[in-house]
N, C-alpha and C. Protein backbone atom coordinates (compact mmCIF):
# COMPACT_ATOMS: atom_id res chain seq x y z
N MET A 1 0.85 -1.13 0.02
CA MET A 1 -0.27 0.12 -0.16
C MET A 1 0.90 1.32 -0.23
N ASN A 2 0.27 2.07 -0.73
CA ASN A 2 1.31 3.31 -0.87
C ASN A 2 0.37 4.65 -0.26
N ASN A 3 0.66 5.15 0.64
CA ASN A 3 0.05 6.28 1.15
C ASN A 3 0.63 7.58 1.11
N GLN A 4 0.13 8.98 0.93
CA GLN A 4 0.77 9.99 0.90
C GLN A 4 -0.02 11.03 1.58
N THR A 5 0.24 12.13 2.20
CA THR A 5 -0.48 13.31 2.41
C THR A 5 0.01 14.29 1.39
N PHE A 6 -0.88 15.19 1.54
CA PHE A 6 -0.58 16.47 0.30
C PHE A 6 -1.23 17.51 1.42
N SER A 7 -1.11 18.72 0.53
CA SER A 7 -1.34 20.02 0.79
C SER A 7 -1.45 21.14 -0.25
N LEU A 8 -2.57 21.65 -1.01
CA LEU A 8 -2.30 22.47 -1.90
C LEU A 8 -1.98 23.82 -1.71
N GLN A 9 -1.32 24.13 -2.70
CA GLN A 9 -0.99 25.91 -2.50
C GLN A 9 -2.05 26.90 -3.59
N PRO A 10 -2.56 27.92 -3.50
CA PRO A 10 -3.10 28.83 -4.58
C PRO A 10 -1.76 29.02 -5.34
N PHE A 11 -2.53 29.23 -6.70
CA PHE A 11 -1.80 29.95 -7.94
C PHE A 11 -1.19 31.41 -7.70
N PRO A 12 -0.06 31.44 -7.88
CA PRO A 12 0.66 32.69 -6.77
C PRO A 12 -0.04 33.98 -7.37
N SER A 13 -0.74 34.23 -8.69
CA SER A 13 -1.19 35.27 -9.18
C SER A 13 -2.39 35.68 -8.42
N THR A 14 -3.19 34.75 -8.17
CA THR A 14 -4.50 35.00 -7.65
C THR A 14 -4.36 34.95 -6.18
N GLU A 15 -5.31 36.01 -5.76
CA GLU A 15 -5.20 36.34 -3.98
C GLU A 15 -5.96 35.36 -3.50
N SER A 16 -5.36 34.16 -2.75
CA SER A 16 -6.31 33.50 -1.79
C SER A 16 -7.00 33.90 -0.94
N LEU A 17 -8.27 33.25 -0.47
CA LEU A 17 -9.16 33.18 0.29
C LEU A 17 -8.59 33.40 1.72
N PRO A 18 -8.61 34.20 2.55
CA PRO A 18 -8.04 34.26 3.87
C PRO A 18 -8.50 32.97 5.03
N ASN A 19 -7.47 32.32 5.49
CA ASN A 19 -7.51 31.54 6.44
C ASN A 19 -8.16 30.02 5.78
N LEU A 20 -7.54 29.67 4.62
CA LEU A 20 -8.04 28.67 3.91
C LEU A 20 -6.95 27.91 3.54
N LYS A 21 -7.33 26.37 3.89
CA LYS A 21 -6.19 25.36 3.79
C LYS A 21 -6.80 24.30 3.26
N ILE A 22 -6.29 23.88 2.13
CA ILE A 22 -6.74 22.33 1.71
C ILE A 22 -5.46 21.51 1.64
N ALA A 23 -5.80 20.46 2.01
CA ALA A 23 -5.01 19.15 2.36
C ALA A 23 -5.63 17.79 2.55
N GLY A 24 -4.69 16.98 2.59
CA GLY A 24 -5.41 15.63 2.44
C GLY A 24 -4.58 14.56 2.15
N ASN A 25 -5.18 13.58 2.16
CA ASN A 25 -3.82 12.11 1.35
C ASN A 25 -4.80 11.26 0.63
N ILE A 26 -3.70 10.52 -0.10
CA ILE A 26 -4.21 10.00 -1.35
C ILE A 26 -3.51 8.30 -0.87
N SER A 27 -3.95 7.38 -1.13
CA SER A 27 -3.49 5.89 -1.17
C SER A 27 -4.00 4.97 -2.23
N ARG A 28 -2.96 4.05 -2.75
CA ARG A 28 -3.42 2.94 -3.80
C ARG A 28 -2.78 1.54 -2.90
N ASN A 29 -3.73 0.90 -3.24
CA ASN A 29 -3.70 -0.48 -2.49
C ASN A 29 -4.37 -1.43 -3.50
N GLY A 30 -3.31 -2.13 -4.21
CA GLY A 30 -3.69 -2.69 -5.56
C GLY A 30 -4.04 -1.58 -6.43
N ASN A 31 -5.12 -1.66 -7.01
CA ASN A 31 -5.82 -0.89 -7.69
C ASN A 31 -7.15 -0.08 -7.38
N GLN A 32 -7.03 -0.11 -5.83
CA GLN A 32 -8.11 0.44 -4.77
C GLN A 32 -7.51 2.04 -4.70
N PHE A 33 -7.87 3.34 -5.39
CA PHE A 33 -7.53 4.52 -4.94
C PHE A 33 -8.41 5.35 -4.22
N ALA A 34 -7.84 5.87 -3.28
CA ALA A 34 -8.59 6.40 -2.26
C ALA A 34 -7.82 8.13 -1.94
N ILE A 35 -8.99 8.91 -2.06
CA ILE A 35 -8.70 10.38 -1.95
C ILE A 35 -9.41 10.93 -0.93
N HIS A 36 -8.63 11.94 0.16
CA HIS A 36 -9.37 12.66 0.90
C HIS A 36 -9.19 13.91 1.08
N TYR A 37 -9.98 14.80 0.56
CA TYR A 37 -9.66 16.08 0.75
C TYR A 37 -10.26 17.03 2.02
N MET A 38 -9.57 17.84 2.75
CA MET A 38 -9.91 18.46 3.88
C MET A 38 -9.88 20.13 3.64
N LEU A 39 -11.21 20.41 3.52
CA LEU A 39 -10.74 22.13 3.07
C LEU A 39 -11.27 23.01 4.25
N GLU A 40 -10.51 23.82 5.06
CA GLU A 40 -10.68 24.35 6.21
C GLU A 40 -10.62 25.88 6.20
N GLY A 41 -10.88 26.67 7.22
CA GLY A 41 -10.98 27.75 7.25
C GLY A 41 -12.77 28.73 7.20
N TYR A 42 -12.49 29.82 7.10
CA TYR A 42 -13.61 30.47 6.99
C TYR A 42 -14.61 30.35 5.43
N LEU A 43 -15.18 29.18 5.56
CA LEU A 43 -16.02 28.56 4.45
C LEU A 43 -17.26 29.66 3.90
N LYS A 44 -17.65 30.82 4.96
CA LYS A 44 -18.95 31.25 4.77
C LYS A 44 -18.70 32.27 3.50
N GLU A 45 -17.39 32.40 3.19
CA GLU A 45 -17.17 32.99 1.97
C GLU A 45 -16.90 32.04 0.63
N ILE A 46 -17.16 31.26 0.75
CA ILE A 46 -16.84 30.29 -0.38
C ILE A 46 -18.93 29.54 -0.80
N ALA A 47 -18.23 29.86 -2.11
CA ALA A 47 -19.40 29.49 -2.72
C ALA A 47 -19.75 27.88 -2.70
N LEU A 48 -20.43 27.09 -2.02
CA LEU A 48 -20.59 25.65 -2.00
C LEU A 48 -21.93 25.32 -2.35
N ALA A 49 -21.89 24.40 -3.40
CA ALA A 49 -23.03 23.99 -3.80
C ALA A 49 -23.65 22.47 -2.62
N LYS A 50 -24.88 22.87 -2.27
CA LYS A 50 -25.27 21.69 -1.20
C LYS A 50 -25.22 20.47 -1.63
N PRO A 51 -25.20 19.43 -0.89
CA PRO A 51 -25.02 18.02 -1.40
C PRO A 51 -26.36 17.48 -1.53
N THR A 52 -26.59 16.73 -2.93
CA THR A 52 -28.05 16.46 -3.28
C THR A 52 -28.10 15.19 -2.34
N GLY A 53 -27.63 14.59 -1.63
CA GLY A 53 -27.69 13.33 -1.03
C GLY A 53 -27.52 13.20 0.35
N GLY A 54 -27.60 14.72 0.97
CA GLY A 54 -27.31 14.83 2.61
C GLY A 54 -26.35 15.10 2.64
N ILE A 55 -25.71 15.43 4.14
CA ILE A 55 -24.36 15.48 4.71
C ILE A 55 -24.24 14.39 4.76
N ALA A 56 -22.72 13.80 4.84
CA ALA A 56 -21.94 12.73 5.09
C ALA A 56 -22.50 11.37 4.59
N GLN A 57 -23.04 11.18 3.48
CA GLN A 57 -23.38 10.31 2.76
C GLN A 57 -23.16 10.45 1.28
N PRO A 58 -23.29 9.20 0.69
CA PRO A 58 -23.21 9.41 -0.92
C PRO A 58 -24.51 9.66 -1.43
N SER A 59 -24.49 10.47 -2.44
CA SER A 59 -25.70 11.11 -2.88
C SER A 59 -26.38 9.73 -4.02
N ASN A 60 -27.68 9.46 -3.80
CA ASN A 60 -28.44 8.57 -4.45
C ASN A 60 -29.06 9.17 -5.94
N THR A 61 -28.55 10.70 -5.83
CA THR A 61 -29.30 11.70 -7.04
C THR A 61 -28.15 12.36 -7.76
N SER A 62 -27.06 12.03 -7.64
CA SER A 62 -25.94 12.74 -7.99
C SER A 62 -25.86 12.19 -9.58
N LEU A 63 -25.44 13.52 -10.21
CA LEU A 63 -25.03 12.91 -11.90
C LEU A 63 -23.99 13.49 -12.29
N ARG A 64 -23.72 13.06 -13.43
CA ARG A 64 -22.56 13.12 -14.05
C ARG A 64 -22.65 14.54 -14.64
N LYS A 65 -22.03 15.61 -14.53
CA LYS A 65 -21.97 16.72 -15.06
C LYS A 65 -21.12 17.26 -15.61
N HIS A 66 -21.04 18.44 -16.88
CA HIS A 66 -19.97 18.79 -17.56
C HIS A 66 -19.58 20.13 -16.44
N GLU A 67 -18.33 20.54 -16.79
CA GLU A 67 -18.11 21.73 -16.61
C GLU A 67 -18.17 22.28 -15.13
N LEU A 68 -17.97 21.38 -13.90
CA LEU A 68 -17.68 21.33 -12.44
C LEU A 68 -16.81 22.31 -12.14
N TRP A 69 -15.74 22.23 -13.09
CA TRP A 69 -14.58 23.46 -12.59
C TRP A 69 -15.11 24.73 -12.66
N GLN A 70 -16.25 25.21 -13.20
CA GLN A 70 -16.75 26.76 -13.10
C GLN A 70 -17.09 26.89 -11.74
N GLU A 71 -17.23 26.39 -10.76
CA GLU A 71 -17.67 26.46 -9.45
C GLU A 71 -16.60 25.63 -8.56
N THR A 72 -16.89 25.61 -7.38
CA THR A 72 -15.79 24.93 -6.08
C THR A 72 -16.11 23.57 -6.80
N CYS A 73 -14.93 23.20 -6.78
CA CYS A 73 -14.90 21.79 -7.21
C CYS A 73 -13.44 20.72 -6.95
N PHE A 74 -13.10 19.93 -6.45
CA PHE A 74 -12.04 19.36 -6.09
C PHE A 74 -11.72 18.53 -7.48
N GLU A 75 -10.65 18.37 -7.84
CA GLU A 75 -10.20 17.56 -8.91
C GLU A 75 -8.76 16.69 -8.69
N PHE A 76 -8.60 15.93 -9.46
CA PHE A 76 -7.50 15.09 -9.35
C PHE A 76 -7.10 14.53 -10.89
N PHE A 77 -5.93 14.52 -11.34
CA PHE A 77 -5.65 13.77 -12.64
C PHE A 77 -4.64 12.48 -12.60
N LEU A 78 -4.92 11.46 -12.96
CA LEU A 78 -4.09 10.29 -13.14
C LEU A 78 -3.65 10.34 -14.70
N GLY A 79 -2.21 9.89 -14.55
CA GLY A 79 -1.57 9.42 -15.65
C GLY A 79 -1.11 8.24 -15.51
N ILE A 80 -0.69 7.52 -16.59
CA ILE A 80 0.32 6.30 -16.54
C ILE A 80 1.69 6.74 -16.65
N LYS A 81 2.46 6.47 -15.99
CA LYS A 81 3.99 6.53 -16.19
C LYS A 81 4.50 6.35 -17.64
N ASN A 82 5.07 7.27 -18.67
CA ASN A 82 5.32 7.07 -19.57
C ASN A 82 4.61 6.89 -20.81
N SER A 83 3.36 7.36 -20.58
CA SER A 83 2.37 7.45 -21.36
C SER A 83 1.76 8.90 -21.48
N GLN A 84 1.34 9.19 -22.67
CA GLN A 84 0.71 10.40 -22.73
C GLN A 84 -1.06 10.83 -22.12
N GLN A 85 -1.44 9.61 -22.01
CA GLN A 85 -3.03 9.41 -21.71
C GLN A 85 -3.10 9.79 -20.43
N TYR A 86 -4.23 10.66 -19.89
CA TYR A 86 -4.37 10.78 -18.70
C TYR A 86 -6.13 10.74 -18.49
N TRP A 87 -6.45 10.67 -17.25
CA TRP A 87 -7.88 11.22 -17.01
C TRP A 87 -7.89 12.33 -15.99
N GLU A 88 -8.93 12.95 -15.98
CA GLU A 88 -9.30 14.11 -15.01
C GLU A 88 -10.69 13.70 -14.17
N PHE A 89 -10.81 13.82 -12.86
CA PHE A 89 -11.71 13.46 -12.28
C PHE A 89 -12.18 14.97 -11.69
N ASN A 90 -13.29 15.30 -11.41
CA ASN A 90 -13.72 16.35 -11.17
C ASN A 90 -15.19 15.60 -9.89
N LEU A 91 -15.12 16.57 -9.10
CA LEU A 91 -16.25 16.07 -7.95
C LEU A 91 -16.43 17.59 -7.03
N SER A 92 -17.91 17.38 -7.22
CA SER A 92 -18.30 18.85 -6.72
C SER A 92 -18.93 18.51 -5.30
N PRO A 93 -18.69 19.28 -4.22
CA PRO A 93 -19.53 19.19 -2.94
C PRO A 93 -20.81 18.67 -3.20
N SER A 94 -21.87 19.18 -4.01
CA SER A 94 -23.16 19.06 -4.70
C SER A 94 -23.34 17.20 -4.67
N GLY A 95 -22.06 16.56 -4.80
CA GLY A 95 -22.29 14.91 -5.07
C GLY A 95 -22.22 15.12 -6.50
N HIS A 96 -22.07 16.06 -7.41
CA HIS A 96 -22.05 15.63 -8.87
C HIS A 96 -20.77 15.19 -9.37
N TRP A 97 -20.45 14.79 -10.60
CA TRP A 97 -19.13 14.11 -10.76
C TRP A 97 -18.97 14.05 -12.29
N ASN A 98 -17.58 14.22 -12.91
CA ASN A 98 -17.48 13.55 -14.05
C ASN A 98 -15.93 12.98 -14.07
N VAL A 99 -15.67 12.39 -15.04
CA VAL A 99 -14.47 11.56 -15.35
C VAL A 99 -14.09 11.80 -16.97
N TYR A 100 -13.08 12.39 -17.27
CA TYR A 100 -12.59 12.78 -18.67
C TYR A 100 -11.33 11.60 -18.66
N ARG A 101 -11.50 11.11 -20.21
CA ARG A 101 -10.13 10.62 -20.79
C ARG A 101 -9.63 11.73 -21.53
N LEU A 102 -8.17 11.48 -21.59
CA LEU A 102 -7.83 12.66 -22.80
C LEU A 102 -6.21 11.63 -23.39
N ASP A 103 -6.18 12.08 -24.59
CA ASP A 103 -5.09 11.38 -25.27
C ASP A 103 -3.66 11.85 -24.89
N GLY A 104 -3.74 13.33 -24.64
CA GLY A 104 -2.39 13.92 -24.54
C GLY A 104 -2.85 15.59 -23.84
N TYR A 105 -2.15 16.33 -23.60
CA TYR A 105 -2.22 17.51 -23.32
C TYR A 105 -3.46 18.15 -23.83
N ARG A 106 -4.62 18.12 -22.96
CA ARG A 106 -5.67 18.77 -23.60
C ARG A 106 -6.10 18.27 -24.82
N GLN A 107 -5.67 17.20 -25.20
CA GLN A 107 -6.43 16.75 -26.58
C GLN A 107 -7.36 15.36 -26.32
N GLY A 108 -8.24 15.34 -27.06
CA GLY A 108 -9.31 14.13 -27.25
C GLY A 108 -9.92 13.92 -26.12
N MET A 109 -10.57 15.16 -25.43
CA MET A 109 -11.07 14.86 -24.32
C MET A 109 -12.48 14.57 -24.59
N GLN A 110 -12.68 13.20 -23.73
CA GLN A 110 -14.06 13.00 -23.88
C GLN A 110 -14.52 12.06 -22.43
N GLU A 111 -15.87 12.06 -22.12
CA GLU A 111 -16.44 11.19 -21.21
C GLU A 111 -15.68 9.82 -21.11
N GLU A 112 -14.81 9.70 -19.95
CA GLU A 112 -14.60 7.99 -19.45
C GLU A 112 -16.15 7.23 -19.22
N THR A 113 -16.23 6.22 -20.66
CA THR A 113 -17.74 5.79 -20.06
C THR A 113 -17.25 4.27 -19.26
N ALA A 114 -16.25 3.87 -19.00
CA ALA A 114 -15.83 3.15 -18.03
C ALA A 114 -16.44 3.25 -16.64
N PHE A 115 -16.61 4.40 -16.07
CA PHE A 115 -17.77 4.67 -14.90
C PHE A 115 -18.84 4.93 -15.10
N GLU A 116 -19.74 4.30 -14.47
CA GLU A 116 -20.98 4.68 -14.83
C GLU A 116 -21.79 5.56 -13.57
N ASN A 117 -20.92 5.32 -12.26
CA ASN A 117 -21.62 6.28 -11.31
C ASN A 117 -19.97 6.60 -10.39
N LEU A 118 -20.12 7.17 -9.86
CA LEU A 118 -18.68 7.75 -9.02
C LEU A 118 -19.13 7.95 -7.50
N PRO A 119 -19.73 7.23 -6.88
CA PRO A 119 -20.06 7.63 -5.61
C PRO A 119 -18.90 8.11 -4.48
N PHE A 120 -18.95 9.37 -3.52
CA PHE A 120 -17.98 10.14 -2.69
C PHE A 120 -19.02 10.59 -1.49
N ASN A 121 -18.31 10.82 -0.51
CA ASN A 121 -18.98 11.36 0.82
C ASN A 121 -18.57 12.63 0.74
N VAL A 122 -19.54 13.38 1.12
CA VAL A 122 -18.90 14.90 1.47
C VAL A 122 -19.57 15.36 2.90
N GLN A 123 -18.84 15.66 3.50
CA GLN A 123 -18.96 16.14 5.23
C GLN A 123 -18.77 17.78 5.41
N ASN A 124 -19.76 18.49 5.27
CA ASN A 124 -19.90 20.24 5.61
C ASN A 124 -20.31 20.41 6.71
N GLN A 125 -19.07 21.03 7.24
CA GLN A 125 -19.56 21.65 8.75
C GLN A 125 -19.28 23.34 8.52
N SER A 126 -19.14 24.02 9.54
CA SER A 126 -19.14 25.39 9.52
C SER A 126 -17.90 25.70 9.07
N ASP A 127 -16.93 25.21 9.44
CA ASP A 127 -15.29 25.39 9.19
C ASP A 127 -14.55 24.48 8.74
N SER A 128 -15.17 23.36 8.17
CA SER A 128 -14.80 22.49 7.49
C SER A 128 -15.46 21.80 6.44
N LEU A 129 -14.76 21.51 5.49
CA LEU A 129 -15.53 20.52 4.36
C LEU A 129 -14.64 19.13 4.18
N ALA A 130 -15.08 18.12 4.25
CA ALA A 130 -14.46 16.63 3.95
C ALA A 130 -14.84 16.01 2.95
N LEU A 131 -14.19 15.57 1.74
CA LEU A 131 -14.76 15.05 0.44
C LEU A 131 -13.67 13.43 0.61
N ASP A 132 -14.08 12.44 0.50
CA ASP A 132 -13.88 11.24 0.60
C ASP A 132 -14.34 10.33 -0.72
N LEU A 133 -13.20 9.96 -1.57
CA LEU A 133 -13.92 9.03 -2.68
C LEU A 133 -12.84 7.73 -2.71
N ASN A 134 -13.28 6.69 -2.65
CA ASN A 134 -12.57 5.23 -3.02
C ASN A 134 -13.21 4.93 -4.28
N VAL A 135 -12.21 4.28 -5.15
CA VAL A 135 -12.42 4.23 -6.74
C VAL A 135 -11.50 2.65 -7.05
N ASP A 136 -12.17 1.91 -7.53
CA ASP A 136 -11.57 0.77 -8.28
C ASP A 136 -11.14 1.10 -9.70
N LEU A 137 -9.66 1.05 -9.99
CA LEU A 137 -9.11 1.82 -11.10
C LEU A 137 -9.05 0.49 -12.35
N ASP A 138 -9.36 -0.73 -11.94
CA ASP A 138 -9.53 -1.83 -12.74
C ASP A 138 -9.87 -1.28 -14.25
N LYS A 139 -11.21 -0.53 -14.20
CA LYS A 139 -11.58 -0.34 -15.32
C LYS A 139 -10.87 0.21 -16.26
N ILE A 140 -9.57 1.15 -15.92
CA ILE A 140 -9.07 2.08 -16.70
C ILE A 140 -7.49 1.65 -16.80
N ILE A 141 -6.69 1.10 -15.85
CA ILE A 141 -5.36 1.36 -15.58
C ILE A 141 -5.21 -0.28 -14.77
N SER A 142 -4.18 -0.96 -15.24
CA SER A 142 -3.94 -2.41 -14.67
C SER A 142 -2.85 -2.21 -13.39
N MET A 143 -3.02 -2.95 -12.56
CA MET A 143 -2.55 -2.87 -11.31
C MET A 143 -0.94 -2.95 -11.37
N GLU A 144 -0.53 -3.40 -12.38
CA GLU A 144 1.03 -3.29 -12.47
C GLU A 144 1.53 -2.07 -12.93
N GLN A 145 0.44 -1.04 -13.65
CA GLN A 145 1.35 0.33 -14.00
C GLN A 145 1.30 1.28 -12.95
N THR A 146 2.32 2.07 -13.07
CA THR A 146 2.60 2.97 -11.87
C THR A 146 1.82 4.47 -12.65
N ILE A 147 1.18 5.06 -11.59
CA ILE A 147 0.37 6.24 -12.19
C ILE A 147 0.89 7.31 -11.61
N GLN A 148 0.91 8.31 -11.85
CA GLN A 148 1.51 9.72 -11.49
C GLN A 148 0.37 10.52 -11.45
N VAL A 149 0.08 11.09 -10.32
CA VAL A 149 -0.90 12.02 -9.68
C VAL A 149 -0.84 13.41 -9.79
N ALA A 150 -1.77 14.10 -10.09
CA ALA A 150 -1.94 15.69 -9.71
C ALA A 150 -3.34 16.02 -8.91
N ILE A 151 -3.22 16.85 -7.95
CA ILE A 151 -4.26 16.85 -7.11
C ILE A 151 -4.49 18.66 -7.28
N THR A 152 -5.82 18.70 -7.33
CA THR A 152 -6.15 20.23 -7.60
C THR A 152 -7.46 20.60 -7.05
N SER A 153 -7.63 21.80 -7.09
CA SER A 153 -9.08 22.10 -6.61
C SER A 153 -9.31 23.78 -7.14
N VAL A 154 -10.65 24.06 -7.27
CA VAL A 154 -11.10 25.39 -7.76
C VAL A 154 -11.80 25.62 -6.63
N ILE A 155 -11.72 26.96 -6.10
CA ILE A 155 -12.65 27.52 -5.08
C ILE A 155 -12.96 28.71 -5.40
N LYS A 156 -14.29 28.82 -5.55
CA LYS A 156 -15.01 30.24 -5.88
C LYS A 156 -15.98 30.67 -4.59
N ASP A 157 -15.57 31.83 -4.51
CA ASP A 157 -15.71 32.78 -3.61
C ASP A 157 -17.27 33.21 -3.71
N ARG A 158 -17.95 33.69 -3.17
CA ARG A 158 -19.42 34.35 -2.90
C ARG A 158 -19.43 35.32 -3.96
N ASP A 159 -18.32 36.16 -4.08
CA ASP A 159 -18.33 37.38 -4.91
C ASP A 159 -17.94 36.80 -6.65
N GLY A 160 -18.01 35.48 -6.86
CA GLY A 160 -17.62 35.15 -8.18
C GLY A 160 -16.09 34.80 -8.25
N GLU A 161 -15.36 35.41 -7.34
CA GLU A 161 -13.85 35.04 -7.82
C GLU A 161 -13.60 33.74 -7.88
N ILE A 162 -12.53 33.51 -8.79
CA ILE A 162 -11.94 32.09 -8.54
C ILE A 162 -10.54 32.03 -8.17
N THR A 163 -10.23 31.08 -7.32
CA THR A 163 -8.77 30.85 -7.22
C THR A 163 -8.47 29.21 -7.36
N TYR A 164 -7.20 28.73 -7.79
CA TYR A 164 -6.86 27.68 -8.49
C TYR A 164 -5.78 27.08 -7.58
N TRP A 165 -5.97 25.86 -6.84
CA TRP A 165 -5.18 25.51 -5.87
C TRP A 165 -4.72 23.99 -6.62
N ALA A 166 -3.32 23.93 -6.25
CA ALA A 166 -2.74 22.64 -6.80
C ALA A 166 -1.39 22.27 -5.64
N LEU A 167 -0.97 20.95 -5.88
CA LEU A 167 0.15 20.68 -5.48
C LEU A 167 1.40 21.43 -5.84
N THR A 168 1.39 21.85 -7.12
CA THR A 168 2.32 22.64 -7.71
C THR A 168 1.98 23.61 -8.86
N HIS A 169 2.48 24.40 -8.95
CA HIS A 169 2.07 25.33 -10.33
C HIS A 169 3.49 25.24 -11.11
N ARG A 170 2.95 24.59 -12.37
CA ARG A 170 4.66 24.87 -13.01
C ARG A 170 4.46 25.69 -14.53
N GLY A 171 3.22 25.93 -14.64
CA GLY A 171 3.26 27.00 -15.84
C GLY A 171 2.84 28.62 -15.26
N THR A 172 3.18 29.64 -16.50
CA THR A 172 2.72 31.00 -16.00
C THR A 172 1.12 31.10 -15.72
N GLU A 173 0.34 30.27 -15.92
CA GLU A 173 -0.80 30.63 -15.73
C GLU A 173 -1.27 29.37 -14.97
N ALA A 174 -2.47 29.27 -14.35
CA ALA A 174 -2.81 28.24 -13.73
C ALA A 174 -3.17 27.23 -14.38
N ASP A 175 -2.63 25.92 -14.86
CA ASP A 175 -3.11 24.96 -16.11
C ASP A 175 -2.87 23.68 -15.22
N PHE A 176 -4.11 22.90 -14.90
CA PHE A 176 -3.79 21.63 -14.03
C PHE A 176 -3.19 20.59 -15.07
N HIS A 177 -3.36 20.56 -16.34
CA HIS A 177 -3.42 19.56 -17.07
C HIS A 177 -1.52 19.48 -17.55
N LEU A 178 -0.84 20.48 -17.08
CA LEU A 178 0.65 20.51 -17.35
C LEU A 178 1.16 18.94 -16.86
N ARG A 179 1.82 18.26 -17.62
CA ARG A 179 2.20 16.69 -16.83
C ARG A 179 2.96 16.82 -16.06
N ASP A 180 4.29 18.05 -16.02
CA ASP A 180 5.06 17.74 -14.88
C ASP A 180 4.57 18.22 -13.82
N SER A 181 3.20 18.40 -13.66
CA SER A 181 2.59 18.40 -12.38
C SER A 181 2.19 17.44 -11.75
N PHE A 182 2.32 16.52 -12.41
CA PHE A 182 1.59 15.09 -11.69
C PHE A 182 3.01 14.58 -11.01
N ILE A 183 3.07 15.04 -9.90
CA ILE A 183 4.31 14.79 -9.45
C ILE A 183 4.08 13.71 -8.12
N ILE A 184 3.43 13.02 -7.74
CA ILE A 184 2.85 12.03 -7.08
C ILE A 184 2.86 10.64 -7.79
N GLU A 185 3.76 9.71 -7.55
CA GLU A 185 3.68 8.35 -8.03
C GLU A 185 2.95 7.45 -7.07
N LEU A 186 2.29 6.74 -7.53
CA LEU A 186 1.65 5.45 -6.80
C LEU A 186 1.76 4.21 -7.72
């Protein structure tokens, strides 16, 4: 089992929200992949979609939706080491989700049909939001393949301003698709 903690940083050119912290951990056990995000701080200033299935439980009414990154959204990117192909996972605090497969840097983006649902848990408190996902990667990656991971978040405040958070920012603009930002290997 490979388990690692992470802490995200806002893109340097954007003004981060006061007293915000995004951290968590990821693990891979065989082909079971788990990620836990913890957003802490003054959440009253953040635009958060309400969970469709209630607090602390998977949503039975969550839907696959496009463009979740236009609102507060937790994301991660998985790539196979030594391959240009990668996947983008989008998880909204509302319980909505999507997974996209890309052939290369921002090329050939299409929904990954191997996933019909992607249940995850959201716990929203006054000063923290936790999001947990456990997913079996067998449908897209073999257990023997090393994966490279980028962990990111989009945070939208109540005034509509967006900040972009990632493990690292390698470009001159916030760009989660840059392959050299997939810095965790599992």
